[in-house]
C-alpha atoms as a PDB file:
ATOM      1  CA  UNK A   1      25.945  -4.298  -9.993  1.00  0.00           C
ATOM      2  CA  UNK A   2      25.916  -6.671  -7.054  1.00  0.00           C
ATOM      3  CA  UNK A   3      22.663  -7.282  -5.233  1.00  0.00           C
ATOM      4  CA  UNK A   4      23.734  -9.628  -2.443  1.00  0.00           C
ATOM      5  CA  UNK A   5      22.613  -7.217   0.288  1.00  0.00           C
ATOM      6  CA  UNK A   6      19.356  -6.512  -1.511  1.00  0.00           C
ATOM      7  CA  UNK A   7      18.568 -10.231  -1.811  1.00  0.00           C
ATOM      8  CA  UNK A   8      19.468 -10.691   1.855  1.00  0.00           C
ATOM      9  CA  UNK A   9      17.116  -8.027   3.223  1.00  0.00           C
ATOM     10  CA  UNK A  10      14.058  -9.017   1.180  1.00  0.00           C
ATOM     11  CA  UNK A  11      13.175 -11.999   3.465  1.00  0.00           C
ATOM     12  CA  UNK A  12      13.416  -9.695   6.494  1.00  0.00           C
ATOM     13  CA  UNK A  13      11.172  -7.125   4.805  1.00  0.00           C
ATOM     14  CA  UNK A  14       8.658  -9.872   4.014  1.00  0.00           C
ATOM     15  CA  UNK A  15       8.691 -10.988   7.639  1.00  0.00           C
ATOM     16  CA  UNK A  16       8.163  -7.412   8.837  1.00  0.00           C
ATOM     17  CA  UNK A  17       5.333  -6.768   6.329  1.00  0.00           C
ATOM     18  CA  UNK A  18       3.612 -10.013   7.338  1.00  0.00           C
ATOM     19  CA  UNK A  19       3.729  -8.807  10.947  1.00  0.00           C
ATOM     20  CA  UNK A  20       1.947  -5.575   9.932  1.00  0.00           C
ATOM     21  CA  UNK A  21      -1.110  -7.291   8.439  1.00  0.00           C
ATOM     22  CA  UNK A  22      -3.635  -9.729   9.854  1.00  0.00           C
ATOM     23  CA  UNK A  23      -3.084 -12.084   6.946  1.00  0.00           C
ATOM     24  CA  UNK A  24      -1.643 -12.370   3.457  1.00  0.00           C
ATOM     25  CA  UNK A  25      -1.673 -15.402   1.169  1.00  0.00           C
ATOM     26  CA  UNK A  26       1.151 -14.357  -1.164  1.00  0.00           C
ATOM     27  CA  UNK A  27       3.706 -11.578  -0.736  1.00  0.00           C
ATOM     28  CA  UNK A  28       6.438 -10.576  -3.184  1.00  0.00           C
ATOM     29  CA  UNK A  29       8.953  -7.756  -2.904  1.00  0.00           C
ATOM     30  CA  UNK A  30      11.142  -6.464  -5.721  1.00  0.00           C
ATOM     31  CA  UNK A  31      13.843  -3.940  -4.859  1.00  0.00           C
ATOM     32  CA  UNK A  32      15.862  -2.616  -7.779  1.00  0.00           C
ATOM     33  CA  UNK A  33      18.966  -1.312  -6.054  1.00  0.00           C
ATOM     34  CA  UNK A  34      22.609  -2.260  -6.076  1.00  0.00           C
ATOM     35  CA  UNK A  35      24.288  -2.931  -2.752  1.00  0.00           C
ATOM     36  CA  UNK A  36      26.218   0.352  -2.878  1.00  0.00           C
ATOM     37  CA  UNK A  37      23.049   2.329  -3.591  1.00  0.00           C
ATOM     38  CA  UNK A  38      21.206   0.533  -0.810  1.00  0.00           C
ATOM     39  CA  UNK A  39      23.962   1.210   1.729  1.00  0.00           C
ATOM     40  CA  UNK A  40      23.704   4.896   0.830  1.00  0.00           C
ATOM     41  CA  UNK A  41      19.916   4.740   1.367  1.00  0.00           C
ATOM     42  CA  UNK A  42      18.997   5.079  -2.307  1.00  0.00           C
ATOM     43  CA  UNK A  43      16.393   2.756  -3.761  1.00  0.00           C
ATOM     44  CA  UNK A  44      15.584   3.629  -7.384  1.00  0.00           C
ATOM     45  CA  UNK A  45      12.549   1.309  -7.558  1.00  0.00           C
ATOM     46  CA  UNK A  46      10.582  -0.890  -5.179  1.00  0.00           C
ATOM     47  CA  UNK A  47       7.447  -2.954  -5.698  1.00  0.00           C
ATOM     48  CA  UNK A  48       5.354  -4.945  -3.253  1.00  0.00           C
ATOM     49  CA  UNK A  49       2.618  -7.263  -4.503  1.00  0.00           C
ATOM     50  CA  UNK A  50       0.257  -9.234  -2.324  1.00  0.00           C
ATOM     51  CA  UNK A  51      -2.771 -11.462  -2.704  1.00  0.00           C
ATOM     52  CA  UNK A  52      -5.597 -11.999  -0.235  1.00  0.00           C
ATOM     53  CA  UNK A  53      -4.513  -9.309   2.223  1.00  0.00           C
ATOM     54  CA  UNK A  54      -6.274  -8.493   5.502  1.00  0.00           C
ATOM     55  CA  UNK A  55      -5.397  -5.236   7.294  1.00  0.00           C
ATOM     56  CA  UNK A  56      -7.383  -3.728  10.168  1.00  0.00           C
ATOM     57  CA  UNK A  57     -10.567  -5.437   9.031  1.00  0.00           C
ATOM     58  CA  UNK A  58     -10.106  -4.493   5.366  1.00  0.00           C
ATOM     59  CA  UNK A  59      -9.560  -7.198   2.774  1.00  0.00           C
ATOM     60  CA  UNK A  60      -8.250  -7.068  -0.776  1.00  0.00           C
ATOM     61  CA  UNK A  61      -7.841  -9.786  -3.362  1.00  0.00           C
ATOM     62  CA  UNK A  62      -4.782  -8.073  -4.884  1.00  0.00           C
ATOM     63  CA  UNK A  63      -2.559  -5.138  -3.958  1.00  0.00           C
ATOM     64  CA  UNK A  64       0.467  -3.727  -5.785  1.00  0.00           C
ATOM     65  CA  UNK A  65       2.500  -0.824  -4.404  1.00  0.00           C
ATOM     66  CA  UNK A  66       5.200   0.832  -6.534  1.00  0.00           C
ATOM     67  CA  UNK A  67       7.553   3.650  -5.543  1.00  0.00           C
ATOM     68  CA  UNK A  68      10.614   5.189  -7.154  1.00  0.00           C
ATOM     69  CA  UNK A  69      13.483   7.369  -5.992  1.00  0.00           C
ATOM     70  CA  UNK A  70      13.288   6.370  -2.340  1.00  0.00           C
ATOM     71  CA  UNK A  71      15.888   8.064  -0.147  1.00  0.00           C
ATOM     72  CA  UNK A  72      16.384   6.744   3.382  1.00  0.00           C
ATOM     73  CA  UNK A  73      18.923   7.570   6.083  1.00  0.00           C
ATOM     74  CA  UNK A  74      20.412   4.064   6.053  1.00  0.00           C
ATOM     75  CA  UNK A  75      23.976   5.192   6.831  1.00  0.00           C
ATOM     76  CA  UNK A  76      22.644   6.761  10.052  1.00  0.00           C
ATOM     77  CA  UNK A  77      20.487   3.707  10.797  1.00  0.00           C
ATOM     78  CA  UNK A  78      23.642   1.591  10.761  1.00  0.00           C
ATOM     79  CA  UNK A  79      24.903   3.939  13.496  1.00  0.00           C
ATOM     80  CA  UNK A  80      21.817   3.303  15.634  1.00  0.00           C
ATOM     81  CA  UNK A  81      19.508   6.132  14.562  1.00  0.00           C
ATOM     82  CA  UNK A  82      15.841   5.510  13.658  1.00  0.00           C
ATOM     83  CA  UNK A  83      14.908   4.935  10.017  1.00  0.00           C
ATOM     84  CA  UNK A  84      13.672   8.052   8.221  1.00  0.00           C
ATOM     85  CA  UNK A  85      12.376   8.857   4.770  1.00  0.00           C
ATOM     86  CA  UNK A  86      14.492  11.804   3.597  1.00  0.00           C
ATOM     87  CA  UNK A  87      12.383  12.957   0.638  1.00  0.00           C
ATOM     88  CA  UNK A  88       8.671  12.606  -0.058  1.00  0.00           C
ATOM     89  CA  UNK A  89       7.709   9.776  -2.390  1.00  0.00           C
ATOM     90  CA  UNK A  90       4.702   9.002  -4.520  1.00  0.00           C
ATOM     91  CA  UNK A  91       3.346   5.488  -4.108  1.00  0.00           C
ATOM     92  CA  UNK A  92       1.281   4.086  -6.963  1.00  0.00           C
ATOM     93  CA  UNK A  93      -1.309   1.641  -5.659  1.00  0.00           C
ATOM     94  CA  UNK A  94      -3.328  -0.868  -7.658  1.00  0.00           C
ATOM     95  CA  UNK A  95      -5.969  -2.673  -5.631  1.00  0.00           C
ATOM     96  CA  UNK A  96      -8.772  -5.059  -6.424  1.00  0.00           C
ATOM     97  CA  UNK A  97     -11.325  -6.577  -4.088  1.00  0.00           C
ATOM     98  CA  UNK A  98     -14.346  -8.787  -4.501  1.00  0.00           C
ATOM     99  CA  UNK A  99     -17.851  -7.429  -3.986  1.00  0.00           C
ATOM    100  CA  UNK A 100     -18.027  -9.213  -0.603  1.00  0.00           C
ATOM    101  CA  UNK A 101     -14.686  -7.720   0.486  1.00  0.00           C
ATOM    102  CA  UNK A 102     -15.870  -4.268  -0.559  1.00  0.00           C
ATOM    103  CA  UNK A 103     -19.158  -4.637   1.335  1.00  0.00           C
ATOM    104  CA  UNK A 104     -17.278  -5.752   4.465  1.00  0.00           C
ATOM    105  CA  UNK A 105     -14.896  -2.788   4.123  1.00  0.00           C
ATOM    106  CA  UNK A 106     -17.813  -0.357   4.025  1.00  0.00           C
ATOM    107  CA  UNK A 107     -18.933  -1.706   7.403  1.00  0.00           C
ATOM    108  CA  UNK A 108     -15.463  -1.676   8.975  1.00  0.00           C
ATOM    109  CA  UNK A 109     -14.735   0.670  11.873  1.00  0.00           C
ATOM    110  CA  UNK A 110     -11.786   2.098   9.920  1.00  0.00           C
ATOM    111  CA  UNK A 111     -13.960   3.228   6.984  1.00  0.00           C
ATOM    112  CA  UNK A 112     -16.831   4.360   9.208  1.00  0.00           C
ATOM    113  CA  UNK A 113     -14.426   6.489  11.263  1.00  0.00           C
ATOM    114  CA  UNK A 114     -12.819   7.986   8.145  1.00  0.00           C
ATOM    115  CA  UNK A 115     -16.191   8.878   6.595  1.00  0.00           C
ATOM    116  CA  UNK A 116     -17.827   9.920   9.842  1.00  0.00           C
ATOM    117  CA  UNK A 117     -20.871   7.773   9.052  1.00  0.00           C
ATOM    118  CA  UNK A 118     -21.825   4.207   8.240  1.00  0.00           C
ATOM    119  CA  UNK A 119     -22.512   3.071   4.686  1.00  0.00           C
ATOM    120  CA  UNK A 120     -25.156   0.608   3.598  1.00  0.00           C
ATOM    121  CA  UNK A 121     -23.042  -2.134   1.950  1.00  0.00           C
ATOM    122  CA  UNK A 122     -25.818  -2.919  -0.531  1.00  0.00           C
ATOM    123  CA  UNK A 123     -26.020   0.507  -2.171  1.00  0.00           C
ATOM    124  CA  UNK A 124     -25.890   0.638  -5.982  1.00  0.00           C
ATOM    125  CA  UNK A 125     -22.443   0.565  -7.593  1.00  0.00           C
ATOM    126  CA  UNK A 126     -22.685   4.182  -8.785  1.00  0.00           C
ATOM    127  CA  UNK A 127     -23.499   5.457  -5.321  1.00  0.00           C
ATOM    128  CA  UNK A 128     -20.781   3.267  -3.818  1.00  0.00           C
ATOM    129  CA  UNK A 129     -18.273   4.699  -6.290  1.00  0.00           C
ATOM    130  CA  UNK A 130     -19.248   8.218  -5.223  1.00  0.00           C
ATOM    131  CA  UNK A 131     -18.794   7.368  -1.530  1.00  0.00           C
ATOM    132  CA  UNK A 132     -15.383   5.793  -2.154  1.00  0.00           C
ATOM    133  CA  UNK A 133     -14.270   8.698  -4.356  1.00  0.00           C
ATOM    134  CA  UNK A 134     -15.209  11.092  -1.566  1.00  0.00           C
ATOM    135  CA  UNK A 135     -13.350   8.975   1.010  1.00  0.00           C
ATOM    136  CA  UNK A 136     -10.169   8.704  -1.062  1.00  0.00           C
ATOM    137  CA  UNK A 137     -10.149  12.394  -1.944  1.00  0.00           C
ATOM    138  CA  UNK A 138     -10.674  13.378   1.686  1.00  0.00           C
ATOM    139  CA  UNK A 139      -7.590  11.298   2.530  1.00  0.00           C
ATOM    140  CA  UNK A 140      -5.536  13.193  -0.053  1.00  0.00           C
ATOM    141  CA  UNK A 141      -5.330  10.274  -2.459  1.00  0.00           C
ATOM    142  CA  UNK A 142      -5.220  11.019  -6.198  1.00  0.00           C
ATOM    143  CA  UNK A 143      -7.555   8.652  -8.053  1.00  0.00           C
ATOM    144  CA  UNK A 144      -6.306   7.467 -11.439  1.00  0.00           C
ATOM    145  CA  UNK A 145      -8.943   4.773 -11.951  1.00  0.00           C
ATOM    146  CA  UNK A 146     -11.882   3.592  -9.866  1.00  0.00           C
ATOM    147  CA  UNK A 147     -14.324   1.024 -11.167  1.00  0.00           C
ATOM    148  CA  UNK A 148     -17.003  -0.799  -9.247  1.00  0.00           C
ATOM    149  CA  UNK A 149     -19.140  -3.463 -10.844  1.00  0.00           C
ATOM    150  CA  UNK A 150     -21.012  -6.614  -9.823  1.00  0.00           C
ATOM    151  CA  UNK A 151     -17.722  -8.476  -9.318  1.00  0.00           C
ATOM    152  CA  UNK A 152     -16.077  -5.930  -7.033  1.00  0.00           C
ATOM    153  CA  UNK A 153     -13.706  -3.005  -7.199  1.00  0.00           C
ATOM    154  CA  UNK A 154     -10.594  -2.178  -9.164  1.00  0.00           C
ATOM    155  CA  UNK A 155      -8.735   1.019  -8.460  1.00  0.00           C
ATOM    156  CA  UNK A 156      -5.459   2.705  -9.183  1.00  0.00           C
ATOM    157  CA  UNK A 157      -4.458   5.605  -6.994  1.00  0.00           C
ATOM    158  CA  UNK A 158      -1.432   7.657  -6.041  1.00  0.00           C
ATOM    159  CA  UNK A 159      -0.597   8.791  -2.570  1.00  0.00           C
ATOM    160  CA  UNK A 160       2.236  10.925  -1.363  1.00  0.00           C
ATOM    161  CA  UNK A 161       4.214   9.928   1.681  1.00  0.00           C
ATOM    162  CA  UNK A 162       5.947  12.818   3.397  1.00  0.00           C
ATOM    163  CA  UNK A 163       9.543  12.783   4.515  1.00  0.00           C
ATOM    164  CA  UNK A 164       9.894  12.004   8.210  1.00  0.00           C
END
């Protein structure tokens, strides 16, 4: 299975992803798809990993996104149509952040707007875990693991992205 096309588009995807965030120290993309599959818009597996990411005032020490069975309208894109996700996908997210990053996130306008109220960044870990659980659930995110301790946060969640 040839992967020349796949290897060619990864640098462009990295460039696009870097343009979507305020900063990222390390970014890796793994697309498991043959060229024929990719041209048909089928990506059996994709993974994005990043370190020291900043996005809309939120920071994370580590982020990994994994999705499978991605179906895009790439044949139509090659004919000038906009890119669309044809079927919903589940994205598995693993994220870790330091205690300082977590405290800054709790004060960010993005989190305050999502919760509808501000959060004291120095609340006890148990209370902070409850607030974050509430936030993630209200966003429709399935929580697989959420742990907050003196060092920071580690969480694994699943979110569904709808077809467009």
